[in-house]
């Protein structure tokens, strides 16, 4: 669905919307394939820090 949305946005020349749709498509594929995402990386980095103390 996100890839289809990106194709529509490309035709409408809405670059910022294309980028967001492609990011969502990448995240969906990462969930299916089990690949490592940037959210995983941030989670691992900040899991060992105590922020706010």
N, C-alpha and C. Protein backbone atom coordinates (compact mmCIF):
# COMPACT_ATOMS: atom_id res chain seq x y z
N UNK A 1 0.82 -1.19 0.00
CA UNK A 1 0.00 0.00 0.00
C UNK A 1 0.87 1.26 0.00
N UNK A 2 1.91 1.26 0.81
CA UNK A 2 2.78 2.44 0.90
C UNK A 2 3.50 2.71 -0.41
N UNK A 3 3.90 1.65 -1.10
CA UNK A 3 4.57 1.82 -2.39
C UNK A 3 3.61 2.41 -3.40
N UNK A 4 2.37 1.94 -3.39
CA UNK A 4 1.36 2.49 -4.30
C UNK A 4 1.13 3.97 -3.99
N UNK A 5 1.07 4.32 -2.72
CA UNK A 5 0.91 5.72 -2.33
C UNK A 5 2.08 6.56 -2.82
N UNK A 6 3.29 6.01 -2.72
CA UNK A 6 4.48 6.74 -3.17
C UNK A 6 4.40 7.00 -4.67
N UNK A 7 3.95 6.01 -5.44
CA UNK A 7 3.83 6.19 -6.88
C UNK A 7 2.84 7.30 -7.22
N UNK A 8 1.74 7.36 -6.49
CA UNK A 8 0.76 8.43 -6.71
C UNK A 8 1.38 9.78 -6.38
N UNK A 9 2.11 9.85 -5.26
CA UNK A 9 2.72 11.12 -4.86
C UNK A 9 3.81 11.56 -5.84
N UNK A 10 4.51 10.60 -6.45
CA UNK A 10 5.51 10.95 -7.46
C UNK A 10 4.82 11.64 -8.63
N UNK A 11 3.69 11.11 -9.03
CA UNK A 11 2.94 11.71 -10.14
C UNK A 11 2.43 13.10 -9.77
N UNK A 12 2.13 13.30 -8.50
CA UNK A 12 1.65 14.60 -8.02
C UNK A 12 2.79 15.53 -7.64
N UNK A 13 4.02 15.07 -7.79
CA UNK A 13 5.22 15.84 -7.49
C UNK A 13 5.25 16.32 -6.04
N UNK A 14 4.89 15.45 -5.13
CA UNK A 14 4.91 15.77 -3.70
C UNK A 14 6.06 14.98 -3.05
N UNK A 15 7.27 15.52 -3.17
CA UNK A 15 8.48 14.82 -2.74
C UNK A 15 8.48 14.41 -1.28
N UNK A 16 8.03 15.29 -0.40
CA UNK A 16 8.05 14.97 1.03
C UNK A 16 7.10 13.81 1.35
N UNK A 17 6.00 13.73 0.63
CA UNK A 17 5.07 12.63 0.85
C UNK A 17 5.61 11.33 0.29
N UNK A 18 6.35 11.41 -0.81
CA UNK A 18 6.99 10.22 -1.39
C UNK A 18 7.96 9.64 -0.38
N UNK A 19 8.77 10.49 0.22
CA UNK A 19 9.76 10.03 1.19
C UNK A 19 9.09 9.32 2.37
N UNK A 20 8.01 9.86 2.87
CA UNK A 20 7.31 9.25 4.00
C UNK A 20 6.69 7.92 3.60
N UNK A 21 6.07 7.85 2.44
CA UNK A 21 5.48 6.59 1.98
C UNK A 21 6.55 5.52 1.80
N UNK A 22 7.70 5.89 1.26
CA UNK A 22 8.78 4.92 1.08
C UNK A 22 9.35 4.47 2.42
N UNK A 23 9.41 5.38 3.39
CA UNK A 23 9.87 5.01 4.73
C UNK A 23 8.93 4.00 5.37
N UNK A 24 7.63 4.23 5.20
CA UNK A 24 6.65 3.29 5.74
C UNK A 24 6.73 1.94 5.06
N UNK A 25 6.96 1.94 3.75
CA UNK A 25 7.12 0.68 3.02
C UNK A 25 8.35 -0.07 3.53
N UNK A 26 9.44 0.65 3.75
CA UNK A 26 10.66 0.02 4.25
C UNK A 26 10.42 -0.59 5.63
N UNK A 27 9.73 0.13 6.49
CA UNK A 27 9.43 -0.39 7.83
C UNK A 27 8.56 -1.63 7.77
N UNK A 28 7.59 -1.65 6.87
CA UNK A 28 6.72 -2.81 6.72
C UNK A 28 7.51 -4.03 6.26
N UNK A 29 8.40 -3.82 5.29
CA UNK A 29 9.23 -4.92 4.80
C UNK A 29 10.18 -5.42 5.89
N UNK A 30 10.70 -4.51 6.68
CA UNK A 30 11.61 -4.90 7.77
C UNK A 30 10.89 -5.75 8.80
N UNK A 31 9.63 -5.44 9.08
CA UNK A 31 8.85 -6.24 10.02
C UNK A 31 8.64 -7.65 9.49
N UNK A 32 8.39 -7.76 8.20
CA UNK A 32 8.14 -9.06 7.58
C UNK A 32 9.41 -9.90 7.54
N UNK A 33 10.51 -9.28 7.14
CA UNK A 33 11.76 -10.02 6.96
C UNK A 33 12.57 -10.15 8.24
N UNK A 34 12.24 -9.34 9.24
CA UNK A 34 12.97 -9.39 10.50
C UNK A 34 14.31 -8.70 10.45
N UNK A 35 14.49 -7.77 9.53
CA UNK A 35 15.76 -7.05 9.44
C UNK A 35 15.85 -5.99 10.52
N UNK A 36 17.04 -5.51 10.73
CA UNK A 36 17.34 -4.53 11.77
C UNK A 36 16.94 -3.14 11.29
N UNK A 37 16.21 -2.39 12.10
CA UNK A 37 15.77 -1.06 11.71
C UNK A 37 16.45 0.02 12.55
N UNK A 38 16.30 1.26 12.13
CA UNK A 38 16.87 2.36 12.90
C UNK A 38 16.21 2.47 14.27
N UNK A 39 14.94 2.11 14.36
CA UNK A 39 14.26 2.11 15.66
C UNK A 39 14.88 1.08 16.60
N UNK A 40 15.27 -0.08 16.04
CA UNK A 40 15.95 -1.09 16.85
C UNK A 40 17.27 -0.55 17.39
N UNK A 41 18.00 0.14 16.54
CA UNK A 41 19.28 0.70 16.94
C UNK A 41 19.10 1.72 18.07
N UNK A 42 18.15 2.62 17.90
CA UNK A 42 17.90 3.62 18.95
C UNK A 42 17.45 2.96 20.24
N UNK A 43 16.63 1.93 20.13
CA UNK A 43 16.19 1.21 21.31
C UNK A 43 17.34 0.58 22.06
N UNK A 44 18.27 0.00 21.33
CA UNK A 44 19.43 -0.61 21.97
C UNK A 44 20.35 0.43 22.60
N UNK A 45 20.51 1.55 21.93
CA UNK A 45 21.38 2.60 22.47
C UNK A 45 20.80 3.16 23.76
N UNK A 46 19.52 3.52 23.75
CA UNK A 46 18.93 4.21 24.89
C UNK A 46 18.43 3.28 25.98
N UNK A 47 18.44 1.98 25.75
CA UNK A 47 18.01 1.05 26.80
C UNK A 47 18.99 1.03 27.97
N UNK A 48 20.23 1.42 27.71
CA UNK A 48 21.23 1.40 28.78
C UNK A 48 21.44 2.76 29.44
N UNK A 49 20.72 3.77 29.01
CA UNK A 49 20.85 5.10 29.58
C UNK A 49 19.64 5.43 30.43
N UNK A 50 19.87 6.17 31.48
CA UNK A 50 18.78 6.65 32.32
C UNK A 50 18.66 8.15 32.05
N UNK A 51 17.68 8.52 31.27
CA UNK A 51 17.51 9.91 30.86
C UNK A 51 16.64 10.63 31.89
N UNK A 52 17.05 11.83 32.27
CA UNK A 52 16.24 12.64 33.16
C UNK A 52 16.70 12.65 34.60
N UNK A 53 17.79 11.99 34.89
CA UNK A 53 18.29 11.99 36.28
C UNK A 53 19.50 12.87 36.38
